[in-house]
Amino acid sequence: MRKRYLIVNADDFGYSYGINKGIIEAHTKGIVTSTSVMVDSIAAHEAVNLIILNCL
């Protein structure tokens, strides 16, 4: 039997500071395995910095 993998994607990374915090927390706890960044949103720069600081 083949191994199966579950990908849990968190949309809207960078949309707001609260969403950023929730996505980072969910990722560090092993829940979220991928995300997509809203590059034109208010918290996009923070999202990029969080990726760098958390070695994601």
PDB file of N, CA and C in Angstrom:
ATOM      1  N   MET A   1       0.842  -1.182   0.000  1.00  0.00           N
ATOM      2  CA  MET A   1       0.000   0.000   0.000  1.00  0.00           C
ATOM      3  C   MET A   1       0.885   1.242   0.000  1.00  0.00           C
ATOM      4  N   ARG A   2       0.506   2.224  -0.805  1.00  0.00           N
ATOM      5  CA  ARG A   2       1.265   3.471  -0.884  1.00  0.00           C
ATOM      6  C   ARG A   2       1.046   4.329   0.353  1.00  0.00           C
ATOM      7  N   LYS A   3       2.088   5.096   0.695  1.00  0.00           N
ATOM      8  CA  LYS A   3       1.932   6.072   1.769  1.00  0.00           C
ATOM      9  C   LYS A   3       1.027   7.195   1.289  1.00  0.00           C
ATOM     10  N   ARG A   4       0.253   7.725   2.189  1.00  0.00           N
ATOM     11  CA  ARG A   4      -0.599   8.875   1.883  1.00  0.00           C
ATOM     12  C   ARG A   4      -0.151  10.062   2.708  1.00  0.00           C
ATOM     13  N   TYR A   5      -0.267  11.212   2.115  1.00  0.00           N
ATOM     14  CA  TYR A   5       0.127  12.444   2.782  1.00  0.00           C
ATOM     15  C   TYR A   5      -1.041  13.415   2.782  1.00  0.00           C
ATOM     16  N   LEU A   6      -1.172  14.129   3.870  1.00  0.00           N
ATOM     17  CA  LEU A   6      -2.192  15.160   3.980  1.00  0.00           C
ATOM     18  C   LEU A   6      -1.514  16.526   3.951  1.00  0.00           C
ATOM     19  N   ILE A   7      -1.925  17.354   3.013  1.00  0.00           N
ATOM     20  CA  ILE A   7      -1.415  18.713   2.925  1.00  0.00           C
ATOM     21  C   ILE A   7      -2.503  19.645   3.457  1.00  0.00           C
ATOM     22  N   VAL A   8      -2.157  20.397   4.492  1.00  0.00           N
ATOM     23  CA  VAL A   8      -3.092  21.368   5.070  1.00  0.00           C
ATOM     24  C   VAL A   8      -2.564  22.753   4.724  1.00  0.00           C
ATOM     25  N   ASN A   9      -3.257  23.435   3.821  1.00  0.00           N
ATOM     26  CA  ASN A   9      -2.832  24.751   3.357  1.00  0.00           C
ATOM     27  C   ASN A   9      -3.586  25.852   4.097  1.00  0.00           C
ATOM     28  N   ALA A  10      -2.844  26.861   4.538  1.00  0.00           N
ATOM     29  CA  ALA A  10      -3.437  28.024   5.198  1.00  0.00           C
ATOM     30  C   ALA A  10      -3.405  29.194   4.221  1.00  0.00           C
ATOM     31  N   ASP A  11      -4.548  29.585   3.720  1.00  0.00           N
ATOM     32  CA  ASP A  11      -4.639  30.707   2.788  1.00  0.00           C
ATOM     33  C   ASP A  11      -4.484  32.041   3.515  1.00  0.00           C
ATOM     34  N   ASP A  12      -4.163  33.058   2.759  1.00  0.00           N
ATOM     35  CA  ASP A  12      -4.193  34.461   3.198  1.00  0.00           C
ATOM     36  C   ASP A  12      -3.085  34.867   4.167  1.00  0.00           C
ATOM     37  N   PHE A  13      -1.958  34.178   4.166  1.00  0.00           N
ATOM     38  CA  PHE A  13      -0.809  34.603   4.967  1.00  0.00           C
ATOM     39  C   PHE A  13      -0.424  35.997   4.496  1.00  0.00           C
ATOM     40  N   GLY A  14      -0.334  36.936   5.399  1.00  0.00           N
ATOM     41  CA  GLY A  14      -0.020  38.314   5.063  1.00  0.00           C
ATOM     42  C   GLY A  14      -1.234  39.219   5.019  1.00  0.00           C
ATOM     43  N   TYR A  15      -2.427  38.647   5.107  1.00  0.00           N
ATOM     44  CA  TYR A  15      -3.654  39.445   5.036  1.00  0.00           C
ATOM     45  C   TYR A  15      -3.809  40.343   6.259  1.00  0.00           C
ATOM     46  N   SER A  16      -3.473  39.811   7.441  1.00  0.00           N
ATOM     47  CA  SER A  16      -3.537  40.609   8.666  1.00  0.00           C
ATOM     48  C   SER A  16      -2.537  40.046   9.667  1.00  0.00           C
ATOM     49  N   TYR A  17      -2.249  40.832  10.689  1.00  0.00           N
ATOM     50  CA  TYR A  17      -1.290  40.405  11.708  1.00  0.00           C
ATOM     51  C   TYR A  17      -1.817  39.214  12.504  1.00  0.00           C
ATOM     52  N   GLY A  18      -3.115  39.190  12.760  1.00  0.00           N
ATOM     53  CA  GLY A  18      -3.718  38.067  13.491  1.00  0.00           C
ATOM     54  C   GLY A  18      -3.672  36.774  12.699  1.00  0.00           C
ATOM     55  N   ILE A  19      -3.945  36.864  11.412  1.00  0.00           N
ATOM     56  CA  ILE A  19      -3.872  35.672  10.562  1.00  0.00           C
ATOM     57  C   ILE A  19      -2.439  35.168  10.503  1.00  0.00           C
ATOM     58  N   ASN A  20      -1.486  36.079  10.384  1.00  0.00           N
ATOM     59  CA  ASN A  20      -0.072  35.675  10.386  1.00  0.00           C
ATOM     60  C   ASN A  20       0.269  34.898  11.645  1.00  0.00           C
ATOM     61  N   LYS A  21      -0.146  35.428  12.776  1.00  0.00           N
ATOM     62  CA  LYS A  21       0.140  34.776  14.062  1.00  0.00           C
ATOM     63  C   LYS A  21      -0.478  33.380  14.113  1.00  0.00           C
ATOM     64  N   GLY A  22      -1.722  33.271  13.668  1.00  0.00           N
ATOM     65  CA  GLY A  22      -2.400  31.972  13.679  1.00  0.00           C
ATOM     66  C   GLY A  22      -1.746  30.962  12.761  1.00  0.00           C
ATOM     67  N   ILE A  23      -1.319  31.396  11.590  1.00  0.00           N
ATOM     68  CA  ILE A  23      -0.674  30.474  10.650  1.00  0.00           C
ATOM     69  C   ILE A  23       0.669  30.000  11.187  1.00  0.00           C
ATOM     70  N   ILE A  24       1.459  30.909  11.748  1.00  0.00           N
ATOM     71  CA  ILE A  24       2.745  30.509  12.334  1.00  0.00           C
ATOM     72  C   ILE A  24       2.523  29.534  13.487  1.00  0.00           C
ATOM     73  N   GLU A  25       1.561  29.817  14.341  1.00  0.00           N
ATOM     74  CA  GLU A  25       1.272  28.921  15.467  1.00  0.00           C
ATOM     75  C   GLU A  25       0.826  27.549  14.976  1.00  0.00           C
ATOM     76  N   ALA A  26      -0.062  27.516  14.003  1.00  0.00           N
ATOM     77  CA  ALA A  26      -0.540  26.234  13.466  1.00  0.00           C
ATOM     78  C   ALA A  26       0.588  25.465  12.794  1.00  0.00           C
ATOM     79  N   HIS A  27       1.486  26.163  12.132  1.00  0.00           N
ATOM     80  CA  HIS A  27       2.613  25.485  11.484  1.00  0.00           C
ATOM     81  C   HIS A  27       3.581  24.911  12.515  1.00  0.00           C
ATOM     82  N   THR A  28       3.911  25.703  13.535  1.00  0.00           N
ATOM     83  CA  THR A  28       4.867  25.217  14.539  1.00  0.00           C
ATOM     84  C   THR A  28       4.292  24.063  15.355  1.00  0.00           C
ATOM     85  N   LYS A  29       2.976  23.956  15.438  1.00  0.00           N
ATOM     86  CA  LYS A  29       2.343  22.832  16.138  1.00  0.00           C
ATOM     87  C   LYS A  29       2.120  21.633  15.216  1.00  0.00           C
ATOM     88  N   GLY A  30       2.526  21.765  13.943  1.00  0.00           N
ATOM     89  CA  GLY A  30       2.441  20.634  13.029  1.00  0.00           C
ATOM     90  C   GLY A  30       1.120  20.479  12.304  1.00  0.00           C
ATOM     91  N   ILE A  31       0.257  21.470  12.372  1.00  0.00           N
ATOM     92  CA  ILE A  31      -1.059  21.370  11.732  1.00  0.00           C
ATOM     93  C   ILE A  31      -0.983  21.822  10.274  1.00  0.00           C
ATOM     94  N   VAL A  32      -0.446  23.009  10.043  1.00  0.00           N
ATOM     95  CA  VAL A  32      -0.362  23.572   8.698  1.00  0.00           C
ATOM     96  C   VAL A  32       0.949  23.137   8.048  1.00  0.00           C
ATOM     97  N   THR A  33       0.844  22.651   6.797  1.00  0.00           N
ATOM     98  CA  THR A  33       2.037  22.202   6.080  1.00  0.00           C
ATOM     99  C   THR A  33       2.394  23.090   4.894  1.00  0.00           C
ATOM    100  N   SER A  34       1.498  24.003   4.518  1.00  0.00           N
ATOM    101  CA  SER A  34       1.799  24.952   3.443  1.00  0.00           C
ATOM    102  C   SER A  34       0.924  26.184   3.605  1.00  0.00           C
ATOM    103  N   THR A  35       1.323  27.246   2.926  1.00  0.00           N
ATOM    104  CA  THR A  35       0.541  28.478   2.979  1.00  0.00           C
ATOM    105  C   THR A  35       0.720  29.240   1.682  1.00  0.00           C
ATOM    106  N   SER A  36      -0.148  30.189   1.464  1.00  0.00           N
ATOM    107  CA  SER A  36      -0.016  31.092   0.318  1.00  0.00           C
ATOM    108  C   SER A  36      -0.051  32.518   0.853  1.00  0.00           C
ATOM    109  N   VAL A  37       0.773  33.377   0.258  1.00  0.00           N
ATOM    110  CA  VAL A  37       0.941  34.738   0.761  1.00  0.00           C
ATOM    111  C   VAL A  37       0.118  35.716  -0.075  1.00  0.00           C
ATOM    112  N   MET A  38      -0.580  36.608   0.617  1.00  0.00           N
ATOM    113  CA  MET A  38      -1.305  37.703  -0.019  1.00  0.00           C
ATOM    114  C   MET A  38      -0.310  38.874  -0.118  1.00  0.00           C
ATOM    115  N   VAL A  39       0.386  38.978  -1.237  1.00  0.00           N
ATOM    116  CA  VAL A  39       1.507  39.913  -1.338  1.00  0.00           C
ATOM    117  C   VAL A  39       1.108  41.382  -1.336  1.00  0.00           C
ATOM    118  N   ASP A  40      -0.131  41.693  -1.665  1.00  0.00           N
ATOM    119  CA  ASP A  40      -0.576  43.091  -1.680  1.00  0.00           C
ATOM    120  C   ASP A  40      -1.279  43.515  -0.397  1.00  0.00           C
ATOM    121  N   SER A  41      -1.253  42.684   0.612  1.00  0.00           N
ATOM    122  CA  SER A  41      -1.996  42.968   1.842  1.00  0.00           C
ATOM    123  C   SER A  41      -1.144  43.708   2.861  1.00  0.00           C
ATOM    124  N   ILE A  42      -1.822  44.226   3.869  1.00  0.00           N
ATOM    125  CA  ILE A  42      -1.197  45.089   4.865  1.00  0.00           C
ATOM    126  C   ILE A  42      -0.095  44.397   5.672  1.00  0.00           C
ATOM    127  N   ALA A  43      -0.209  43.115   5.903  1.00  0.00           N
ATOM    128  CA  ALA A  43       0.753  42.413   6.757  1.00  0.00           C
ATOM    129  C   ALA A  43       1.693  41.503   5.972  1.00  0.00           C
ATOM    130  N   ALA A  44       1.821  41.733   4.667  1.00  0.00           N
ATOM    131  CA  ALA A  44       2.672  40.884   3.828  1.00  0.00           C
ATOM    132  C   ALA A  44       4.146  40.967   4.231  1.00  0.00           C
ATOM    133  N   HIS A  45       4.628  42.160   4.539  1.00  0.00           N
ATOM    134  CA  HIS A  45       6.034  42.298   4.946  1.00  0.00           C
ATOM    135  C   HIS A  45       6.294  41.553   6.248  1.00  0.00           C
ATOM    136  N   GLU A  46       5.350  41.606   7.164  1.00  0.00           N
ATOM    137  CA  GLU A  46       5.495  40.859   8.411  1.00  0.00           C
ATOM    138  C   GLU A  46       5.521  39.360   8.119  1.00  0.00           C
ATOM    139  N   ALA A  47       4.697  38.888   7.202  1.00  0.00           N
ATOM    140  CA  ALA A  47       4.658  37.474   6.844  1.00  0.00           C
ATOM    141  C   ALA A  47       6.026  37.009   6.350  1.00  0.00           C
ATOM    142  N   VAL A  48       6.652  37.800   5.499  1.00  0.00           N
ATOM    143  CA  VAL A  48       7.975  37.460   4.989  1.00  0.00           C
ATOM    144  C   VAL A  48       8.982  37.403   6.135  1.00  0.00           C
ATOM    145  N   ASN A  49       8.932  38.375   7.031  1.00  0.00           N
ATOM    146  CA  ASN A  49       9.842  38.377   8.171  1.00  0.00           C
ATOM    147  C   ASN A  49       9.614  37.181   9.076  1.00  0.00           C
ATOM    148  N   LEU A  50       8.369  36.782   9.266  1.00  0.00           N
ATOM    149  CA  LEU A  50       8.059  35.603  10.089  1.00  0.00           C
ATOM    150  C   LEU A  50       8.604  34.329   9.454  1.00  0.00           C
ATOM    151  N   ILE A  51       8.542  34.253   8.143  1.00  0.00           N
ATOM    152  CA  ILE A  51       9.118  33.096   7.441  1.00  0.00           C
ATOM    153  C   ILE A  51      10.611  33.018   7.707  1.00  0.00           C
ATOM    154  N   ILE A  52      11.291  34.153   7.610  1.00  0.00           N
ATOM    155  CA  ILE A  52      12.745  34.186   7.835  1.00  0.00           C
ATOM    156  C   ILE A  52      13.073  33.884   9.291  1.00  0.00           C
ATOM    157  N   LEU A  53      12.376  34.522  10.227  1.00  0.00           N
ATOM    158  CA  LEU A  53      12.673  34.324  11.656  1.00  0.00           C
ATOM    159  C   LEU A  53      12.399  32.908  12.132  1.00  0.00           C
ATOM    160  N   ASN A  54      11.405  32.255  11.546  1.00  0.00           N
ATOM    161  CA  ASN A  54      11.045  30.903  11.973  1.00  0.00           C
ATOM    162  C   ASN A  54      11.660  29.820  11.098  1.00  0.00           C
ATOM    163  N   CYS A  55      12.570  30.208  10.206  1.00  0.00           N
ATOM    164  CA  CYS A  55      13.264  29.271   9.318  1.00  0.00           C
ATOM    165  C   CYS A  55      12.300  28.352   8.587  1.00  0.00           C
ATOM    166  N   LEU A  56      11.274  28.931   8.004  1.00  0.00           N
ATOM    167  CA  LEU A  56      10.256  28.149   7.288  1.00  0.00           C
ATOM    168  C   LEU A  56      10.579  28.067   5.816  1.00  0.00           C
TER     169      LEU A  56
END
